[in-house]
Amino acid sequence: MQTGGQVDTHEYKQRVLVARQEITGADRQWAAQYEVGDVVRYTRGSKTHGIEAGEYARVASVNEKENQVTVKRESGEQVSYDPRRLHGVTLYPRDGAQVQ
């Protein structure tokens, strides 16, 4: 198809996030399971925290003692929450993106 001119010959590389498979739903309720730099995707979102469904953020800090995770949103805003109170979360490792 490329030689026939039907498909462009220019290739693009794209990063693909691969979820942390070792983290169970129960594990995601504990701040100790989160690592600074992890990418978090919110499938459900949270009205309380102003997080939209489908939004991504990056873990900025973890307070295991108080079970608090602080994430930095794309807007630069930081939001802290108890992960037991937020469901529909997928974690991706900070350096786990694969180039495809």
C-alpha atoms as a PDB file:
ATOM      1  CA  MET A   1       0.000   0.000   0.000  1.00  0.00           C
ATOM      2  CA  GLN A   2       2.923   2.344   0.699  1.00  0.00           C
ATOM      3  CA  THR A   3       4.554   1.627  -2.664  1.00  0.00           C
ATOM      4  CA  GLY A   4       1.204   2.174  -4.358  1.00  0.00           C
ATOM      5  CA  GLY A   5       0.867   5.604  -2.703  1.00  0.00           C
ATOM      6  CA  GLN A   6      -2.238   4.662  -0.737  1.00  0.00           C
ATOM      7  CA  VAL A   7      -0.493   4.947   2.638  1.00  0.00           C
ATOM      8  CA  ASP A   8       2.054   7.589   3.622  1.00  0.00           C
ATOM      9  CA  THR A   9       5.591   6.239   4.050  1.00  0.00           C
ATOM     10  CA  HIS A  10       6.317   8.579   6.959  1.00  0.00           C
ATOM     11  CA  GLU A  11       6.343   6.698  10.279  1.00  0.00           C
ATOM     12  CA  TYR A  12       5.402   8.069  13.689  1.00  0.00           C
ATOM     13  CA  LYS A  13       6.531   6.805  17.072  1.00  0.00           C
ATOM     14  CA  GLN A  14       3.982   6.934  19.862  1.00  0.00           C
ATOM     15  CA  ARG A  15       4.296   6.291  23.600  1.00  0.00           C
ATOM     16  CA  VAL A  16       1.882   3.715  24.950  1.00  0.00           C
ATOM     17  CA  LEU A  17       1.120   3.411  28.650  1.00  0.00           C
ATOM     18  CA  VAL A  18       1.158  -0.102  30.089  1.00  0.00           C
ATOM     19  CA  ALA A  19      -0.750  -0.469  33.376  1.00  0.00           C
ATOM     20  CA  ARG A  20       0.991  -1.725  36.506  1.00  0.00           C
ATOM     21  CA  GLN A  21      -0.266  -5.311  36.521  1.00  0.00           C
ATOM     22  CA  GLU A  22       0.951  -6.082  40.053  1.00  0.00           C
ATOM     23  CA  ILE A  23      -1.486  -3.555  41.566  1.00  0.00           C
ATOM     24  CA  THR A  24      -4.900  -4.974  42.482  1.00  0.00           C
ATOM     25  CA  GLY A  25      -8.055  -2.981  43.144  1.00  0.00           C
ATOM     26  CA  ALA A  26      -7.494  -3.399  46.871  1.00  0.00           C
ATOM     27  CA  ASP A  27      -3.875  -2.219  46.518  1.00  0.00           C
ATOM     28  CA  ARG A  28      -5.003   1.022  44.842  1.00  0.00           C
ATOM     29  CA  GLN A  29      -6.720   2.003  48.109  1.00  0.00           C
ATOM     30  CA  TRP A  30      -3.355   2.434  49.858  1.00  0.00           C
ATOM     31  CA  ALA A  31      -1.053   5.379  49.223  1.00  0.00           C
ATOM     32  CA  ALA A  32       1.988   3.148  49.835  1.00  0.00           C
ATOM     33  CA  GLN A  33       1.285   1.442  46.499  1.00  0.00           C
ATOM     34  CA  TYR A  34       1.663   4.710  44.567  1.00  0.00           C
ATOM     35  CA  GLU A  35       5.080   5.941  43.480  1.00  0.00           C
ATOM     36  CA  VAL A  36       6.105   9.516  42.723  1.00  0.00           C
ATOM     37  CA  GLY A  37       6.019   9.913  38.951  1.00  0.00           C
ATOM     38  CA  ASP A  38       3.355   7.254  38.332  1.00  0.00           C
ATOM     39  CA  VAL A  39       0.669   8.244  35.851  1.00  0.00           C
ATOM     40  CA  VAL A  40      -2.916   7.938  37.128  1.00  0.00           C
ATOM     41  CA  ARG A  41      -5.962   7.664  34.856  1.00  0.00           C
ATOM     42  CA  TYR A  42      -9.378   8.316  36.361  1.00  0.00           C
ATOM     43  CA  THR A  43     -12.019   6.278  34.560  1.00  0.00           C
ATOM     44  CA  ARG A  44     -14.844   7.596  36.758  1.00  0.00           C
ATOM     45  CA  GLY A  45     -13.563  11.006  37.805  1.00  0.00           C
ATOM     46  CA  SER A  46     -14.509  12.781  41.026  1.00  0.00           C
ATOM     47  CA  LYS A  47     -16.879  15.705  41.461  1.00  0.00           C
ATOM     48  CA  THR A  48     -15.476  16.285  44.958  1.00  0.00           C
ATOM     49  CA  HIS A  49     -11.948  16.789  43.623  1.00  0.00           C
ATOM     50  CA  GLY A  50     -12.911  18.266  40.255  1.00  0.00           C
ATOM     51  CA  ILE A  51     -11.375  15.383  38.323  1.00  0.00           C
ATOM     52  CA  GLU A  52     -13.018  14.514  35.025  1.00  0.00           C
ATOM     53  CA  ALA A  53     -13.587  10.947  33.825  1.00  0.00           C
ATOM     54  CA  GLY A  54     -10.764  10.024  31.449  1.00  0.00           C
ATOM     55  CA  GLU A  55      -8.357  12.569  32.944  1.00  0.00           C
ATOM     56  CA  TYR A  56      -4.689  11.781  33.524  1.00  0.00           C
ATOM     57  CA  ALA A  57      -2.445  13.117  36.303  1.00  0.00           C
ATOM     58  CA  ARG A  58       1.018  12.360  37.659  1.00  0.00           C
ATOM     59  CA  VAL A  59       1.744  11.389  41.283  1.00  0.00           C
ATOM     60  CA  ALA A  60       3.598  14.314  42.894  1.00  0.00           C
ATOM     61  CA  SER A  61       3.875  12.972  46.444  1.00  0.00           C
ATOM     62  CA  VAL A  62       2.717  10.165  48.721  1.00  0.00           C
ATOM     63  CA  ASN A  63       1.981  10.381  52.444  1.00  0.00           C
ATOM     64  CA  GLU A  64       1.768   6.770  53.603  1.00  0.00           C
ATOM     65  CA  LYS A  65       1.160   7.698  57.248  1.00  0.00           C
ATOM     66  CA  GLU A  66      -2.010   9.667  56.438  1.00  0.00           C
ATOM     67  CA  ASN A  67      -2.871   7.568  53.354  1.00  0.00           C
ATOM     68  CA  GLN A  68      -2.823  10.611  51.063  1.00  0.00           C
ATOM     69  CA  VAL A  69      -1.799  10.807  47.422  1.00  0.00           C
ATOM     70  CA  THR A  70      -1.090  14.168  45.777  1.00  0.00           C
ATOM     71  CA  VAL A  71      -1.305  14.320  41.997  1.00  0.00           C
ATOM     72  CA  LYS A  72      -0.402  17.073  39.581  1.00  0.00           C
ATOM     73  CA  ARG A  73      -2.939  17.618  36.822  1.00  0.00           C
ATOM     74  CA  GLU A  74      -2.061  18.771  33.302  1.00  0.00           C
ATOM     75  CA  SER A  75      -3.201  22.271  34.289  1.00  0.00           C
ATOM     76  CA  GLY A  76      -0.498  22.295  36.984  1.00  0.00           C
ATOM     77  CA  GLU A  77      -3.069  22.147  39.792  1.00  0.00           C
ATOM     78  CA  GLN A  78      -2.284  19.707  42.582  1.00  0.00           C
ATOM     79  CA  VAL A  79      -4.996  17.631  44.226  1.00  0.00           C
ATOM     80  CA  SER A  80      -4.596  15.514  47.381  1.00  0.00           C
ATOM     81  CA  TYR A  81      -6.943  12.710  48.337  1.00  0.00           C
ATOM     82  CA  ASP A  82      -7.327   9.473  50.245  1.00  0.00           C
ATOM     83  CA  PRO A  83      -7.224   6.721  47.591  1.00  0.00           C
ATOM     84  CA  ARG A  84      -9.809   4.688  49.546  1.00  0.00           C
ATOM     85  CA  ARG A  85     -12.355   7.344  48.573  1.00  0.00           C
ATOM     86  CA  LEU A  86     -11.670   7.371  44.829  1.00  0.00           C
ATOM     87  CA  HIS A  87     -12.549   4.415  42.597  1.00  0.00           C
ATOM     88  CA  GLY A  88     -11.994   3.769  38.913  1.00  0.00           C
ATOM     89  CA  VAL A  89      -8.270   4.488  38.959  1.00  0.00           C
ATOM     90  CA  THR A  90      -5.602   2.889  36.753  1.00  0.00           C
ATOM     91  CA  LEU A  91      -1.902   3.246  37.595  1.00  0.00           C
ATOM     92  CA  TYR A  92       0.879   3.339  35.048  1.00  0.00           C
ATOM     93  CA  PRO A  93       4.567   3.305  36.053  1.00  0.00           C
ATOM     94  CA  ARG A  94       6.488   6.570  35.665  1.00  0.00           C
ATOM     95  CA  ASP A  95       8.903   5.048  33.169  1.00  0.00           C
ATOM     96  CA  GLY A  96       6.649   2.295  31.917  1.00  0.00           C
ATOM     97  CA  ALA A  97       5.622   3.941  28.675  1.00  0.00           C
ATOM     98  CA  GLN A  98       6.704   1.909  25.686  1.00  0.00           C
ATOM     99  CA  VAL A  99       7.454   3.453  22.318  1.00  0.00           C
ATOM    100  CA  GLN A 100       5.543   1.771  19.517  1.00  0.00           C
END
